[in-house]
Amino acid sequence: MISASDRSRIVEMAWEDRTPFEAIRRDYGLTEPQVITLMRTELKPRSFRLWRARVSGRKTKHQAKRGYAVGRFCCPTQKNRG
């Protein structure tokens, strides 16, 4: 069972364009299909459709598709989380 704070952080990471699904898997153990399922339950239907349209095929959401030049993104608040 995922805690409410972890669910919130996973949703936040999934919304971030430069955070790959692999980072979510590394930090929380969720695969891309599991993240999609979580987003479907956590977001309103319209928000989910907008998110899916935005991340589908986006190179920055898949570590293998993006070049090294992109690097790893770390949002300013991420360092504050424990």
C-alpha atoms as a PDB file:
ATOM      1  CA  MET A   1       0.000   0.000   0.000  1.00  0.00           C
ATOM      2  CA  ILE A   2       1.336   3.405  -0.976  1.00  0.00           C
ATOM      3  CA  SER A   3       0.999   6.213   1.569  1.00  0.00           C
ATOM      4  CA  ALA A   4      -0.898   9.389   0.682  1.00  0.00           C
ATOM      5  CA  SER A   5       2.308  11.446   0.688  1.00  0.00           C
ATOM      6  CA  ASP A   6       4.028   8.937  -1.634  1.00  0.00           C
ATOM      7  CA  ARG A   7       1.011   8.937  -3.969  1.00  0.00           C
ATOM      8  CA  SER A   8       1.160  12.722  -4.074  1.00  0.00           C
ATOM      9  CA  ARG A   9       4.891  12.684  -4.854  1.00  0.00           C
ATOM     10  CA  ILE A  10       4.451  10.058  -7.587  1.00  0.00           C
ATOM     11  CA  VAL A  11       1.742  12.193  -9.234  1.00  0.00           C
ATOM     12  CA  GLU A  12       4.036  15.207  -8.983  1.00  0.00           C
ATOM     13  CA  MET A  13       6.926  13.287 -10.559  1.00  0.00           C
ATOM     14  CA  ALA A  14       4.684  11.952 -13.335  1.00  0.00           C
ATOM     15  CA  TRP A  15       3.545  15.512 -14.160  1.00  0.00           C
ATOM     16  CA  GLU A  16       7.142  16.736 -14.424  1.00  0.00           C
ATOM     17  CA  ASP A  17       8.113  16.534 -18.087  1.00  0.00           C
ATOM     18  CA  ARG A  18      11.779  15.824 -17.422  1.00  0.00           C
ATOM     19  CA  THR A  19      11.346  13.122 -14.764  1.00  0.00           C
ATOM     20  CA  PRO A  20      11.504   9.736 -16.538  1.00  0.00           C
ATOM     21  CA  PHE A  21       9.325   6.785 -15.581  1.00  0.00           C
ATOM     22  CA  GLU A  22      12.538   4.956 -14.687  1.00  0.00           C
ATOM     23  CA  ALA A  23      13.144   7.445 -11.856  1.00  0.00           C
ATOM     24  CA  ILE A  24       9.692   6.689 -10.448  1.00  0.00           C
ATOM     25  CA  ARG A  25      10.423   2.979 -10.718  1.00  0.00           C
ATOM     26  CA  ARG A  26      13.772   3.412  -8.961  1.00  0.00           C
ATOM     27  CA  ASP A  27      12.315   5.524  -6.139  1.00  0.00           C
ATOM     28  CA  TYR A  28       8.938   3.810  -5.652  1.00  0.00           C
ATOM     29  CA  GLY A  29       9.106   0.472  -7.491  1.00  0.00           C
ATOM     30  CA  LEU A  30       6.226   1.282  -9.862  1.00  0.00           C
ATOM     31  CA  THR A  31       6.391   0.382 -13.541  1.00  0.00           C
ATOM     32  CA  GLU A  32       5.093   2.722 -16.241  1.00  0.00           C
ATOM     33  CA  PRO A  33       1.730   0.865 -16.519  1.00  0.00           C
ATOM     34  CA  GLN A  34       1.350   1.054 -12.733  1.00  0.00           C
ATOM     35  CA  VAL A  35       2.035   4.804 -12.808  1.00  0.00           C
ATOM     36  CA  ILE A  36      -0.583   5.198 -15.546  1.00  0.00           C
ATOM     37  CA  THR A  37      -3.102   3.274 -13.420  1.00  0.00           C
ATOM     38  CA  LEU A  38      -2.273   5.418 -10.384  1.00  0.00           C
ATOM     39  CA  MET A  39      -2.674   8.609 -12.417  1.00  0.00           C
ATOM     40  CA  ARG A  40      -6.027   7.356 -13.720  1.00  0.00           C
ATOM     41  CA  THR A  41      -7.297   6.921 -10.145  1.00  0.00           C
ATOM     42  CA  GLU A  42      -5.775  10.111  -8.727  1.00  0.00           C
ATOM     43  CA  LEU A  43      -6.682  12.590 -11.479  1.00  0.00           C
ATOM     44  CA  LYS A  44      -9.998  13.791 -12.807  1.00  0.00           C
ATOM     45  CA  PRO A  45     -10.842  12.149 -16.158  1.00  0.00           C
ATOM     46  CA  ARG A  46     -10.061  15.270 -18.210  1.00  0.00           C
ATOM     47  CA  SER A  47      -6.782  15.881 -16.371  1.00  0.00           C
ATOM     48  CA  PHE A  48      -5.789  12.264 -16.966  1.00  0.00           C
ATOM     49  CA  ARG A  49      -6.511  12.529 -20.711  1.00  0.00           C
ATOM     50  CA  LEU A  50      -4.464  15.738 -20.944  1.00  0.00           C
ATOM     51  CA  TRP A  51      -1.575  14.137 -19.054  1.00  0.00           C
ATOM     52  CA  ARG A  52      -1.640  10.995 -21.219  1.00  0.00           C
ATOM     53  CA  ALA A  53      -1.685  13.053 -24.413  1.00  0.00           C
ATOM     54  CA  ARG A  54       1.306  15.060 -23.175  1.00  0.00           C
ATOM     55  CA  VAL A  55       3.510  12.173 -22.021  1.00  0.00           C
ATOM     56  CA  SER A  56       2.713   9.713 -24.814  1.00  0.00           C
ATOM     57  CA  GLY A  57       5.828   9.429 -26.917  1.00  0.00           C
ATOM     58  CA  ARG A  58       7.648  12.207 -25.025  1.00  0.00           C
ATOM     59  CA  LYS A  59      11.359  11.441 -25.121  1.00  0.00           C
ATOM     60  CA  THR A  60      12.065  13.013 -21.741  1.00  0.00           C
ATOM     61  CA  LYS A  61       9.702  10.571 -19.979  1.00  0.00           C
ATOM     62  CA  HIS A  62      11.745   7.569 -21.184  1.00  0.00           C
ATOM     63  CA  GLN A  63      15.374   7.447 -20.183  1.00  0.00           C
ATOM     64  CA  ALA A  64      16.385   5.195 -23.096  1.00  0.00           C
ATOM     65  CA  LYS A  65      14.924   7.634 -25.668  1.00  0.00           C
ATOM     66  CA  ARG A  66      16.571  10.797 -24.404  1.00  0.00           C
ATOM     67  CA  GLY A  67      20.112  11.890 -24.918  1.00  0.00           C
ATOM     68  CA  TYR A  68      22.595  12.348 -22.111  1.00  0.00           C
ATOM     69  CA  ALA A  69      22.649  16.100 -22.759  1.00  0.00           C
ATOM     70  CA  VAL A  70      19.232  16.390 -21.104  1.00  0.00           C
ATOM     71  CA  GLY A  71      20.648  15.189 -17.803  1.00  0.00           C
ATOM     72  CA  ARG A  72      18.628  14.398 -14.710  1.00  0.00           C
ATOM     73  CA  PHE A  73      16.102  16.978 -13.602  1.00  0.00           C
ATOM     74  CA  CYS A  74      15.673  17.789  -9.931  1.00  0.00           C
ATOM     75  CA  CYS A  75      12.963  20.248  -8.988  1.00  0.00           C
ATOM     76  CA  PRO A  76      13.786  22.792  -6.256  1.00  0.00           C
ATOM     77  CA  THR A  77      11.456  21.142  -3.711  1.00  0.00           C
ATOM     78  CA  GLN A  78      12.729  17.623  -4.359  1.00  0.00           C
ATOM     79  CA  LYS A  79      15.802  18.122  -2.175  1.00  0.00           C
ATOM     80  CA  ASN A  80      13.576  18.963   0.777  1.00  0.00           C
ATOM     81  CA  ARG A  81      11.774  15.609   0.717  1.00  0.00           C
ATOM     82  CA  GLY A  82      13.055  12.836   2.863  1.00  0.00           C
END
